[in-house]
């Protein structure tokens, strides 16, 4: 039996298959919080030690944004590009000679959702003195606050059950700090609030400060 197919038929089948793929996008990744990607790459040459043998903290020249293909799954499938800002923070302003990083991952439209709402960006801001990791949702605060609150409180309650910590801190978010807030320890907490730069967006943040 001759299994060869006419070229026209093969091209038609390929076109049809491409159309099916285009009409069937991958399902959106559901963000749960606490699952942020690493957006920076420390260059190998930065691993230097001082006279006592302690590793020196890398400077801005020793750090770059990761390429999308360096991200783990599912991130490399849903991130379009990454932008990184690095600032040297002198001891005169912070009491510690360190750096401050601000990385943003811009996501493909519709590729990620949180509590059923689309996520547009992931923002990671870090230093030795503070950290602020954010999901930026493409919906105004009034539209998403109740859904995000339910997600946070449910996740907190499940963690308490796993840790058998029924007497632990309350999982109820409180109104304050310009939105909803839940402390997770003495210096950390989860904060849901409107994006100050765009009222049509909402920020879910896991932050800490020393």
N, C-alpha and C. Protein backbone atom coordinates (compact mmCIF):
# COMPACT_ATOMS: atom_id res chain seq x y z
N UNK A 1 0.86 -1.20 0.00
CA UNK A 1 0.00 0.00 0.00
C UNK A 1 0.88 1.23 0.00
N UNK A 2 0.53 2.19 -0.84
CA UNK A 2 1.29 3.43 -0.95
C UNK A 2 0.79 4.39 0.11
N UNK A 3 1.69 4.75 1.08
CA UNK A 3 1.30 5.64 2.18
C UNK A 3 1.62 7.10 1.88
N UNK A 4 2.11 7.40 0.69
CA UNK A 4 2.44 8.78 0.37
C UNK A 4 1.17 9.61 0.23
N UNK A 5 1.25 10.88 0.64
CA UNK A 5 0.12 11.78 0.54
C UNK A 5 0.49 12.92 -0.40
N UNK A 6 -0.46 13.41 -1.20
CA UNK A 6 -0.19 14.56 -2.05
C UNK A 6 0.26 15.75 -1.20
N UNK A 7 1.19 16.55 -1.74
CA UNK A 7 1.71 17.70 -1.00
C UNK A 7 0.59 18.64 -0.58
N UNK A 8 -0.37 18.87 -1.46
CA UNK A 8 -1.47 19.77 -1.14
C UNK A 8 -2.23 19.29 0.09
N UNK A 9 -2.46 17.98 0.17
CA UNK A 9 -3.17 17.41 1.31
C UNK A 9 -2.36 17.58 2.58
N UNK A 10 -1.04 17.34 2.50
CA UNK A 10 -0.19 17.49 3.69
C UNK A 10 -0.19 18.93 4.19
N UNK A 11 -0.11 19.88 3.25
CA UNK A 11 -0.13 21.29 3.65
C UNK A 11 -1.47 21.65 4.28
N UNK A 12 -2.54 21.11 3.74
CA UNK A 12 -3.87 21.40 4.31
C UNK A 12 -3.98 20.84 5.72
N UNK A 13 -3.47 19.61 5.91
CA UNK A 13 -3.51 19.01 7.25
C UNK A 13 -2.67 19.80 8.24
N UNK A 14 -1.50 20.28 7.79
CA UNK A 14 -0.65 21.08 8.67
C UNK A 14 -1.33 22.38 9.05
N UNK A 15 -1.99 23.02 8.07
CA UNK A 15 -2.70 24.26 8.34
C UNK A 15 -3.85 24.03 9.30
N UNK A 16 -4.58 22.94 9.10
CA UNK A 16 -5.69 22.62 9.99
C UNK A 16 -5.20 22.36 11.40
N UNK A 17 -4.09 21.64 11.52
CA UNK A 17 -3.54 21.36 12.85
C UNK A 17 -3.10 22.63 13.54
N UNK A 18 -2.49 23.55 12.77
CA UNK A 18 -2.07 24.82 13.35
C UNK A 18 -3.28 25.61 13.83
N UNK A 19 -4.38 25.53 13.06
CA UNK A 19 -5.58 26.23 13.47
C UNK A 19 -6.15 25.67 14.75
N UNK A 20 -6.11 24.33 14.89
CA UNK A 20 -6.60 23.72 16.13
C UNK A 20 -5.77 24.17 17.31
N UNK A 21 -4.42 24.20 17.11
CA UNK A 21 -3.54 24.63 18.20
C UNK A 21 -3.82 26.08 18.58
N UNK A 22 -4.05 26.92 17.56
CA UNK A 22 -4.28 28.33 17.84
C UNK A 22 -5.59 28.53 18.59
N UNK A 23 -6.57 27.67 18.33
CA UNK A 23 -7.86 27.82 18.97
C UNK A 23 -7.92 27.14 20.33
N UNK A 24 -6.87 26.40 20.70
CA UNK A 24 -6.87 25.68 21.97
C UNK A 24 -5.65 26.07 22.80
N UNK A 25 -5.63 27.30 23.35
CA UNK A 25 -4.49 27.73 24.14
C UNK A 25 -4.38 26.92 25.43
N UNK A 26 -3.17 26.89 25.97
CA UNK A 26 -2.96 26.19 27.23
C UNK A 26 -3.78 26.84 28.33
N UNK A 27 -4.29 26.05 29.28
CA UNK A 27 -5.05 26.63 30.38
C UNK A 27 -4.17 27.56 31.21
N UNK A 28 -4.77 28.58 31.79
CA UNK A 28 -4.02 29.55 32.59
C UNK A 28 -3.46 28.89 33.84
N UNK A 29 -2.25 29.29 34.20
CA UNK A 29 -1.64 28.86 35.45
C UNK A 29 -2.32 29.60 36.59
N UNK A 30 -2.66 28.89 37.66
CA UNK A 30 -3.34 29.51 38.80
C UNK A 30 -2.31 29.82 39.89
N UNK A 31 -2.14 31.10 40.19
CA UNK A 31 -1.22 31.51 41.25
C UNK A 31 -1.88 31.31 42.60
N UNK A 32 -1.10 30.84 43.55
CA UNK A 32 -1.63 30.58 44.89
C UNK A 32 -0.99 31.47 45.95
N UNK A 33 0.05 32.21 45.58
CA UNK A 33 0.79 32.98 46.57
C UNK A 33 1.93 32.14 47.12
N UNK A 34 3.03 32.82 47.45
CA UNK A 34 4.19 32.10 47.96
C UNK A 34 4.91 31.29 46.90
N UNK A 35 4.59 31.52 45.64
CA UNK A 35 5.16 30.72 44.55
C UNK A 35 5.81 31.61 43.49
N UNK A 36 6.51 32.63 43.95
CA UNK A 36 7.13 33.59 43.03
C UNK A 36 8.40 33.02 42.39
N UNK A 37 8.67 33.37 41.14
CA UNK A 37 9.90 32.89 40.49
C UNK A 37 11.10 33.74 40.88
N UNK A 38 12.29 33.23 40.63
CA UNK A 38 13.52 34.00 40.79
C UNK A 38 13.80 34.70 39.46
N UNK A 39 13.91 36.02 39.48
CA UNK A 39 14.05 36.79 38.25
C UNK A 39 15.47 37.27 37.99
N UNK A 40 16.39 37.06 38.94
CA UNK A 40 17.75 37.57 38.78
C UNK A 40 18.75 36.42 38.70
N UNK A 41 19.84 36.70 38.03
CA UNK A 41 20.94 35.74 37.91
C UNK A 41 22.21 36.42 38.38
N UNK A 42 22.90 35.80 39.35
CA UNK A 42 24.17 36.32 39.84
C UNK A 42 25.28 35.74 38.97
N UNK A 43 26.14 36.60 38.45
CA UNK A 43 27.22 36.15 37.58
C UNK A 43 28.27 35.40 38.38
N UNK A 44 28.89 34.42 37.77
CA UNK A 44 29.87 33.58 38.46
C UNK A 44 31.04 34.38 39.01
N UNK A 45 31.42 35.44 38.29
CA UNK A 45 32.59 36.20 38.72
C UNK A 45 32.37 36.95 40.03
N UNK A 46 31.08 37.04 40.46
CA UNK A 46 30.78 37.81 41.68
C UNK A 46 31.09 37.02 42.95
N UNK A 47 31.35 35.73 42.84
CA UNK A 47 31.59 34.92 44.03
C UNK A 47 33.00 35.15 44.54
N UNK A 48 33.20 36.29 45.20
CA UNK A 48 34.49 36.66 45.74
C UNK A 48 34.41 36.71 47.26
N UNK A 49 35.55 36.53 47.90
CA UNK A 49 35.59 36.51 49.36
C UNK A 49 36.49 37.62 49.88
N UNK A 50 36.21 38.04 51.12
CA UNK A 50 37.07 39.05 51.74
C UNK A 50 38.28 38.36 52.37
N UNK A 51 39.09 39.15 53.10
CA UNK A 51 40.32 38.61 53.68
C UNK A 51 40.04 37.51 54.69
N UNK A 52 38.84 37.54 55.30
CA UNK A 52 38.50 36.53 56.30
C UNK A 52 37.87 35.29 55.67
N UNK A 53 37.68 35.31 54.37
CA UNK A 53 37.11 34.16 53.69
C UNK A 53 35.61 34.21 53.53
N UNK A 54 34.97 35.27 54.02
CA UNK A 54 33.51 35.40 53.89
C UNK A 54 33.17 35.89 52.49
N UNK A 55 32.12 35.33 51.91
CA UNK A 55 31.70 35.74 50.58
C UNK A 55 31.19 37.17 50.59
N UNK A 56 31.65 37.96 49.63
CA UNK A 56 31.19 39.33 49.51
C UNK A 56 29.85 39.38 48.78
N UNK A 57 29.00 40.30 49.20
CA UNK A 57 27.72 40.46 48.52
C UNK A 57 27.96 41.02 47.13
N UNK A 58 27.33 40.46 46.11
CA UNK A 58 27.52 40.99 44.75
C UNK A 58 26.95 42.40 44.62
N UNK A 59 27.55 43.18 43.74
CA UNK A 59 27.04 44.51 43.43
C UNK A 59 26.16 44.47 42.19
N UNK A 60 25.68 45.64 41.79
CA UNK A 60 24.78 45.69 40.64
C UNK A 60 25.45 45.20 39.36
N UNK A 61 26.77 45.41 39.25
CA UNK A 61 27.48 44.95 38.05
C UNK A 61 27.58 43.44 37.98
N UNK A 62 27.29 42.77 39.09
CA UNK A 62 27.42 41.31 39.15
C UNK A 62 26.09 40.59 38.98
N UNK A 63 25.04 41.33 38.67
CA UNK A 63 23.69 40.76 38.63
C UNK A 63 23.02 41.16 37.32
N UNK A 64 22.27 40.25 36.74
CA UNK A 64 21.49 40.54 35.54
C UNK A 64 20.12 39.91 35.67
N UNK A 65 19.21 40.36 34.82
CA UNK A 65 17.90 39.71 34.75
C UNK A 65 18.05 38.34 34.10
N UNK A 66 17.31 37.37 34.57
CA UNK A 66 17.33 36.06 33.93
C UNK A 66 16.65 36.14 32.56
N UNK A 67 17.14 35.33 31.66
CA UNK A 67 16.44 35.18 30.39
C UNK A 67 15.18 34.34 30.62
N UNK A 68 14.20 34.53 29.77
CA UNK A 68 12.96 33.78 29.92
C UNK A 68 13.23 32.28 29.85
N UNK A 69 14.16 31.87 28.98
CA UNK A 69 14.43 30.43 28.86
C UNK A 69 15.20 29.86 30.05
N UNK A 70 15.64 30.72 30.97
CA UNK A 70 16.30 30.25 32.19
C UNK A 70 15.31 30.01 33.33
N UNK A 71 14.08 30.45 33.14
CA UNK A 71 13.07 30.26 34.17
C UNK A 71 12.61 28.80 34.20
N UNK A 72 12.19 28.31 35.37
CA UNK A 72 11.63 26.96 35.43
C UNK A 72 10.21 26.95 34.87
N UNK A 73 9.71 25.78 34.58
CA UNK A 73 8.30 25.65 34.22
C UNK A 73 7.44 25.89 35.45
N UNK A 74 6.26 26.50 35.32
CA UNK A 74 5.65 26.92 34.05
C UNK A 74 6.03 28.34 33.62
N UNK A 75 6.94 28.98 34.39
CA UNK A 75 7.20 30.40 34.15
C UNK A 75 7.72 30.69 32.75
N UNK A 76 8.60 29.86 32.23
CA UNK A 76 9.15 30.18 30.91
C UNK A 76 8.12 30.05 29.80
N UNK A 77 6.98 29.44 30.12
CA UNK A 77 5.90 29.34 29.14
C UNK A 77 4.96 30.55 29.19
N UNK A 78 4.97 31.28 30.30
CA UNK A 78 3.97 32.33 30.47
C UNK A 78 4.56 33.74 30.58
N UNK A 79 5.88 33.85 30.73
CA UNK A 79 6.52 35.17 30.83
C UNK A 79 6.94 35.64 29.45
N UNK A 80 6.61 36.90 29.13
CA UNK A 80 7.04 37.49 27.86
C UNK A 80 8.44 38.07 27.96
N UNK A 81 8.69 38.84 29.02
CA UNK A 81 10.00 39.47 29.19
C UNK A 81 10.19 39.84 30.65
N UNK A 82 11.45 40.11 31.00
CA UNK A 82 11.80 40.46 32.37
C UNK A 82 12.60 41.75 32.35
N UNK A 83 12.27 42.65 33.25
CA UNK A 83 13.02 43.90 33.41
C UNK A 83 13.58 43.96 34.82
N UNK A 84 14.83 44.40 34.95
CA UNK A 84 15.48 44.46 36.25
C UNK A 84 16.12 45.82 36.46
N UNK A 85 15.87 46.42 37.63
CA UNK A 85 16.56 47.62 38.09
C UNK A 85 17.35 47.26 39.34
N UNK A 86 18.57 47.80 39.45
CA UNK A 86 19.41 47.55 40.61
C UNK A 86 19.98 48.88 41.08
N UNK A 87 19.92 49.12 42.37
CA UNK A 87 20.40 50.37 42.95
C UNK A 87 21.33 50.07 44.11
N UNK A 88 22.46 50.74 44.15
CA UNK A 88 23.37 50.61 45.27
C UNK A 88 22.85 51.48 46.41
N UNK A 89 22.62 50.88 47.55
CA UNK A 89 22.10 51.59 48.72
C UNK A 89 23.25 51.77 49.70
N UNK A 90 23.69 53.00 49.89
CA UNK A 90 24.83 53.27 50.75
C UNK A 90 24.50 53.19 52.22
N UNK A 91 25.53 53.00 53.02
CA UNK A 91 25.35 52.88 54.46
C UNK A 91 24.80 54.16 55.07
N UNK A 92 25.04 55.31 54.42
CA UNK A 92 24.58 56.57 55.00
C UNK A 92 23.06 56.68 55.00
N UNK A 93 22.38 55.97 54.08
CA UNK A 93 20.92 56.05 54.02
C UNK A 93 20.23 54.88 54.68
N UNK A 94 20.89 53.72 54.74
CA UNK A 94 20.24 52.53 55.27
C UNK A 94 20.94 51.92 56.47
N UNK A 95 22.15 52.39 56.77
CA UNK A 95 22.92 51.77 57.83
C UNK A 95 23.62 50.51 57.38
N UNK A 96 23.46 50.16 56.10
CA UNK A 96 24.06 48.94 55.57
C UNK A 96 24.40 49.16 54.10
N UNK A 97 25.62 48.87 53.73
CA UNK A 97 26.04 49.01 52.34
C UNK A 97 25.56 47.79 51.57
N UNK A 98 24.51 47.96 50.78
CA UNK A 98 23.88 46.82 50.11
C UNK A 98 23.29 47.28 48.79
N UNK A 99 22.54 46.41 48.15
CA UNK A 99 21.87 46.75 46.90
C UNK A 99 20.37 46.53 47.06
N UNK A 100 19.60 47.21 46.23
CA UNK A 100 18.15 47.03 46.18
C UNK A 100 17.77 46.62 44.77
N UNK A 101 17.05 45.52 44.65
CA UNK A 101 16.66 44.98 43.35
C UNK A 101 15.17 45.16 43.13
N UNK A 102 14.79 45.48 41.91
CA UNK A 102 13.38 45.56 41.52
C UNK A 102 13.24 44.86 40.18
N UNK A 103 12.67 43.66 40.20
CA UNK A 103 12.48 42.89 38.98
C UNK A 103 11.01 42.77 38.64
N UNK A 104 10.70 42.88 37.36
CA UNK A 104 9.31 42.74 36.90
C UNK A 104 9.26 41.73 35.76
N UNK A 105 8.39 40.74 35.91
CA UNK A 105 8.11 39.78 34.84
C UNK A 105 6.77 40.15 34.22
N UNK A 106 6.78 40.46 32.94
CA UNK A 106 5.56 40.79 32.22
C UNK A 106 5.01 39.49 31.62
N UNK A 107 3.77 39.18 31.98
CA UNK A 107 3.19 37.89 31.61
C UNK A 107 2.41 37.98 30.30
N UNK A 108 2.33 36.87 29.61
CA UNK A 108 1.51 36.79 28.41
C UNK A 108 0.04 36.96 28.80
N UNK A 109 -0.74 37.68 28.00
CA UNK A 109 -2.15 37.90 28.34
C UNK A 109 -2.89 36.59 28.55
N UNK A 110 -3.60 36.50 29.68
CA UNK A 110 -4.41 35.33 29.98
C UNK A 110 -3.64 34.11 30.44
N UNK A 111 -2.31 34.24 30.62
CA UNK A 111 -1.50 33.06 30.95
C UNK A 111 -1.56 32.69 32.42
N UNK A 112 -1.89 33.63 33.29
CA UNK A 112 -1.94 33.34 34.73
C UNK A 112 -3.16 34.02 35.34
N UNK A 113 -3.75 33.33 36.32
CA UNK A 113 -4.88 33.88 37.05
C UNK A 113 -4.65 33.66 38.54
N UNK A 114 -5.29 34.49 39.33
CA UNK A 114 -5.24 34.34 40.79
C UNK A 114 -6.65 34.56 41.32
N UNK A 115 -7.17 33.58 42.03
CA UNK A 115 -8.55 33.63 42.52
C UNK A 115 -9.51 33.91 41.37
N UNK A 116 -9.19 33.41 40.18
CA UNK A 116 -10.06 33.56 39.03
C UNK A 116 -9.89 34.83 38.24
N UNK A 117 -8.92 35.68 38.61
CA UNK A 117 -8.72 36.97 37.94
C UNK A 117 -7.36 37.01 37.24
N UNK A 118 -7.27 37.69 36.09
CA UNK A 118 -6.02 37.68 35.32
C UNK A 118 -4.89 38.42 36.02
N UNK A 119 -3.69 37.85 35.92
CA UNK A 119 -2.48 38.46 36.48
C UNK A 119 -1.65 38.99 35.32
N UNK A 120 -1.25 40.27 35.41
CA UNK A 120 -0.51 40.91 34.32
C UNK A 120 0.99 40.91 34.56
N UNK A 121 1.40 41.06 35.82
CA UNK A 121 2.83 41.20 36.12
C UNK A 121 3.16 40.50 37.44
N UNK A 122 4.42 40.14 37.56
CA UNK A 122 5.00 39.71 38.84
C UNK A 122 6.12 40.69 39.15
N UNK A 123 6.07 41.29 40.34
CA UNK A 123 7.09 42.26 40.75
C UNK A 123 7.79 41.75 42.00
N UNK A 124 9.12 41.73 41.95
CA UNK A 124 9.91 41.29 43.09
C UNK A 124 10.89 42.40 43.46
N UNK A 125 10.75 42.94 44.67
CA UNK A 125 11.63 43.99 45.17
C UNK A 125 12.32 43.47 46.42
N UNK A 126 13.65 43.45 46.42
CA UNK A 126 14.40 42.82 47.50
C UNK A 126 15.63 43.63 47.87
N UNK A 127 15.98 43.58 49.15
CA UNK A 127 17.25 44.07 49.65
C UNK A 127 17.53 43.32 50.95
N UNK A 128 18.62 43.67 51.62
CA UNK A 128 18.93 43.05 52.91
C UNK A 128 17.98 43.54 53.99
N UNK A 129 17.25 44.63 53.72
CA UNK A 129 16.43 45.27 54.75
C UNK A 129 14.93 45.08 54.54
N UNK A 130 14.52 44.72 53.34
CA UNK A 130 13.09 44.55 53.08
C UNK A 130 12.89 43.62 51.88
N UNK A 131 11.67 43.15 51.75
CA UNK A 131 11.28 42.37 50.58
C UNK A 131 9.82 42.62 50.29
N UNK A 132 9.47 42.71 49.03
CA UNK A 132 8.09 42.96 48.63
C UNK A 132 7.85 42.22 47.31
N UNK A 133 7.12 41.11 47.38
CA UNK A 133 6.85 40.27 46.21
C UNK A 133 5.37 40.41 45.86
N UNK A 134 5.09 40.75 44.61
CA UNK A 134 3.73 41.13 44.23
C UNK A 134 3.24 40.41 42.98
N UNK A 135 1.94 40.11 43.00
CA UNK A 135 1.20 39.80 41.79
C UNK A 135 0.35 41.02 41.48
N UNK A 136 0.36 41.45 40.23
CA UNK A 136 -0.45 42.59 39.81
C UNK A 136 -1.61 42.06 38.98
N UNK A 137 -2.82 42.21 39.52
CA UNK A 137 -4.02 41.68 38.86
C UNK A 137 -4.66 42.76 38.00
N UNK A 138 -5.16 42.34 36.84
CA UNK A 138 -5.80 43.28 35.92
C UNK A 138 -7.28 43.42 36.25
N UNK A 139 -7.56 43.95 37.42
CA UNK A 139 -8.93 44.20 37.85
C UNK A 139 -8.87 45.17 39.02
N UNK A 140 -9.89 46.00 39.16
CA UNK A 140 -9.87 46.98 40.24
C UNK A 140 -10.11 46.29 41.59
N UNK A 141 -9.71 46.98 42.65
CA UNK A 141 -9.74 46.41 44.00
C UNK A 141 -11.13 45.93 44.39
N UNK A 142 -12.15 46.73 44.10
CA UNK A 142 -13.51 46.36 44.51
C UNK A 142 -13.96 45.05 43.87
N UNK A 143 -13.44 44.75 42.68
CA UNK A 143 -13.85 43.55 41.95
C UNK A 143 -13.18 42.28 42.46
N UNK A 144 -11.99 42.41 43.06
CA UNK A 144 -11.21 41.22 43.39
C UNK A 144 -10.95 41.03 44.87
N UNK A 145 -11.19 42.05 45.69
CA UNK A 145 -10.81 41.98 47.10
C UNK A 145 -11.43 40.78 47.82
N UNK A 146 -12.72 40.54 47.61
CA UNK A 146 -13.39 39.44 48.31
C UNK A 146 -12.82 38.08 47.89
N UNK A 147 -12.54 37.91 46.60
CA UNK A 147 -12.00 36.64 46.12
C UNK A 147 -10.58 36.40 46.63
N UNK A 148 -9.76 37.44 46.63
CA UNK A 148 -8.40 37.30 47.14
C UNK A 148 -8.40 37.05 48.64
N UNK A 149 -9.30 37.71 49.34
CA UNK A 149 -9.39 37.50 50.79
C UNK A 149 -9.76 36.05 51.09
N UNK A 150 -10.73 35.52 50.36
CA UNK A 150 -11.13 34.12 50.57
C UNK A 150 -9.97 33.17 50.30
N UNK A 151 -9.19 33.45 49.26
CA UNK A 151 -8.03 32.61 48.93
C UNK A 151 -7.00 32.64 50.05
N UNK A 152 -6.66 33.84 50.53
CA UNK A 152 -5.64 33.98 51.57
C UNK A 152 -6.09 33.31 52.87
N UNK A 153 -7.32 33.56 53.28
CA UNK A 153 -7.79 33.00 54.54
C UNK A 153 -7.91 31.48 54.47
N UNK A 154 -8.35 30.96 53.32
CA UNK A 154 -8.44 29.50 53.16
C UNK A 154 -7.06 28.86 53.20
N UNK A 155 -6.11 29.46 52.51
CA UNK A 155 -4.75 28.92 52.50
C UNK A 155 -4.14 28.96 53.89
N UNK A 156 -4.38 30.04 54.63
CA UNK A 156 -3.88 30.17 56.00
C UNK A 156 -4.47 29.08 56.89
N UNK A 157 -5.78 28.85 56.77
CA UNK A 157 -6.43 27.83 57.60
C UNK A 157 -5.90 26.43 57.28
N UNK A 158 -5.67 26.16 55.99
CA UNK A 158 -5.12 24.85 55.61
C UNK A 158 -3.72 24.66 56.17
N UNK A 159 -2.92 25.72 56.17
CA UNK A 159 -1.58 25.63 56.72
C UNK A 159 -1.62 25.37 58.22
N UNK A 160 -2.55 26.02 58.91
CA UNK A 160 -2.70 25.79 60.35
C UNK A 160 -3.04 24.33 60.63
N UNK A 161 -3.93 23.75 59.79
CA UNK A 161 -4.31 22.36 59.98
C UNK A 161 -3.13 21.42 59.74
N UNK A 162 -2.34 21.71 58.70
CA UNK A 162 -1.17 20.87 58.42
C UNK A 162 -0.16 20.93 59.56
N UNK A 163 -0.03 22.11 60.14
CA UNK A 163 0.93 22.29 61.23
C UNK A 163 0.33 21.94 62.58
N UNK A 164 -0.96 21.55 62.58
CA UNK A 164 -1.68 21.25 63.82
C UNK A 164 -1.53 22.41 64.81
N UNK A 165 -1.75 23.61 64.27
CA UNK A 165 -1.55 24.83 65.04
C UNK A 165 -2.88 25.56 65.18
N UNK A 166 -3.85 24.87 65.75
CA UNK A 166 -5.17 25.46 65.90
C UNK A 166 -5.15 26.70 66.78
N UNK A 167 -4.19 26.77 67.69
CA UNK A 167 -4.10 27.91 68.59
C UNK A 167 -3.23 29.02 68.02
N UNK A 168 -2.81 28.88 66.75
CA UNK A 168 -1.95 29.87 66.14
C UNK A 168 -2.68 31.17 65.86
N UNK A 169 -2.01 32.07 65.17
CA UNK A 169 -2.57 33.38 64.90
C UNK A 169 -3.84 33.28 64.05
N UNK A 170 -4.70 34.27 64.18
CA UNK A 170 -5.96 34.30 63.46
C UNK A 170 -5.71 34.41 61.95
N UNK A 171 -6.53 33.72 61.17
CA UNK A 171 -6.40 33.76 59.72
C UNK A 171 -7.31 34.79 59.07
N UNK A 172 -7.96 35.61 59.86
CA UNK A 172 -8.88 36.61 59.32
C UNK A 172 -8.12 37.87 58.92
N UNK A 173 -8.25 38.26 57.67
CA UNK A 173 -7.62 39.50 57.22
C UNK A 173 -8.35 40.69 57.80
N UNK A 174 -7.61 41.73 58.11
CA UNK A 174 -8.19 42.94 58.69
C UNK A 174 -8.10 44.08 57.68
N UNK A 175 -9.03 45.03 57.82
CA UNK A 175 -9.02 46.21 56.97
C UNK A 175 -8.01 47.20 57.53
N UNK A 176 -7.09 47.62 56.72
CA UNK A 176 -6.06 48.56 57.15
C UNK A 176 -4.95 48.63 56.13
N UNK A 177 -4.02 49.56 56.34
CA UNK A 177 -2.90 49.74 55.41
C UNK A 177 -3.42 50.01 53.99
N UNK A 178 -4.58 50.63 53.88
CA UNK A 178 -5.13 50.95 52.57
C UNK A 178 -5.75 49.78 51.84
N UNK A 179 -6.01 48.69 52.56
CA UNK A 179 -6.61 47.52 51.92
C UNK A 179 -6.87 46.44 52.94
N UNK A 180 -6.50 45.21 52.63
CA UNK A 180 -6.65 44.07 53.54
C UNK A 180 -5.26 43.58 53.93
N UNK A 181 -5.12 43.19 55.20
CA UNK A 181 -3.79 42.82 55.69
C UNK A 181 -3.89 41.61 56.61
N UNK A 182 -2.91 40.70 56.49
CA UNK A 182 -2.81 39.55 57.37
C UNK A 182 -1.35 39.38 57.78
N UNK A 183 -1.02 39.58 59.06
CA UNK A 183 0.37 39.34 59.48
C UNK A 183 0.67 37.85 59.45
N UNK A 184 1.86 37.50 58.99
CA UNK A 184 2.26 36.10 58.95
C UNK A 184 3.34 35.79 59.98
N UNK A 185 4.05 36.80 60.44
CA UNK A 185 4.96 36.69 61.58
C UNK A 185 5.24 38.10 62.08
N UNK A 186 6.26 38.27 62.89
CA UNK A 186 6.50 39.57 63.52
C UNK A 186 6.88 40.65 62.52
N UNK A 187 7.49 40.29 61.40
CA UNK A 187 7.95 41.30 60.45
C UNK A 187 7.36 41.13 59.05
N UNK A 188 6.50 40.15 58.85
CA UNK A 188 6.00 39.84 57.51
C UNK A 188 4.48 39.84 57.48
N UNK A 189 3.94 40.00 56.28
CA UNK A 189 2.49 39.94 56.13
C UNK A 189 2.06 39.91 54.68
N UNK A 190 0.78 39.63 54.48
CA UNK A 190 0.16 39.64 53.16
C UNK A 190 -0.74 40.86 53.08
N UNK A 191 -0.61 41.61 52.00
CA UNK A 191 -1.31 42.88 51.85
C UNK A 191 -1.98 42.91 50.49
N UNK A 192 -3.27 43.19 50.47
CA UNK A 192 -4.04 43.32 49.24
C UNK A 192 -4.51 44.77 49.15
N UNK A 193 -4.18 45.44 48.07
CA UNK A 193 -4.56 46.86 47.96
C UNK A 193 -4.59 47.27 46.50
N UNK A 194 -5.21 48.41 46.24
CA UNK A 194 -5.25 48.95 44.88
C UNK A 194 -3.84 49.38 44.46
N UNK A 195 -3.55 49.24 43.18
CA UNK A 195 -2.27 49.70 42.65
C UNK A 195 -2.27 51.23 42.68
N UNK A 196 -1.35 51.86 43.42
CA UNK A 196 -1.36 53.32 43.49
C UNK A 196 -1.10 54.00 42.15
N UNK A 197 -0.50 53.28 41.20
CA UNK A 197 -0.21 53.86 39.89
C UNK A 197 -1.30 53.60 38.86
N UNK A 198 -2.23 52.70 39.18
CA UNK A 198 -3.29 52.35 38.23
C UNK A 198 -4.49 51.81 39.00
N UNK A 199 -5.52 52.62 39.22
CA UNK A 199 -6.68 52.18 40.01
C UNK A 199 -7.45 51.02 39.39
N UNK A 200 -7.17 50.70 38.13
CA UNK A 200 -7.83 49.57 37.48
C UNK A 200 -7.10 48.26 37.74
N UNK A 201 -6.04 48.32 38.55
CA UNK A 201 -5.29 47.13 38.91
C UNK A 201 -5.24 46.96 40.42
N UNK A 202 -4.98 45.72 40.85
CA UNK A 202 -4.91 45.39 42.28
C UNK A 202 -3.62 44.63 42.54
N UNK A 203 -3.02 44.90 43.70
CA UNK A 203 -1.76 44.25 44.06
C UNK A 203 -1.99 43.28 45.21
N UNK A 204 -1.52 42.06 45.02
CA UNK A 204 -1.40 41.07 46.09
C UNK A 204 0.08 41.04 46.44
N UNK A 205 0.42 41.36 47.70
CA UNK A 205 1.82 41.48 48.09
C UNK A 205 2.13 40.62 49.31
N UNK A 206 3.28 39.97 49.28
CA UNK A 206 3.86 39.32 50.44
C UNK A 206 5.12 40.10 50.78
N UNK A 207 5.10 40.80 51.92
CA UNK A 207 6.15 41.76 52.21
C UNK A 207 6.71 41.57 53.61
N UNK A 208 7.95 42.02 53.79
CA UNK A 208 8.57 42.03 55.11
C UNK A 208 9.50 43.22 55.19
N UNK A 209 9.77 43.66 56.39
CA UNK A 209 10.72 44.76 56.62
C UNK A 209 11.40 44.54 57.96
N UNK A 210 12.70 44.76 57.98
CA UNK A 210 13.48 44.55 59.19
C UNK A 210 13.39 45.79 60.08
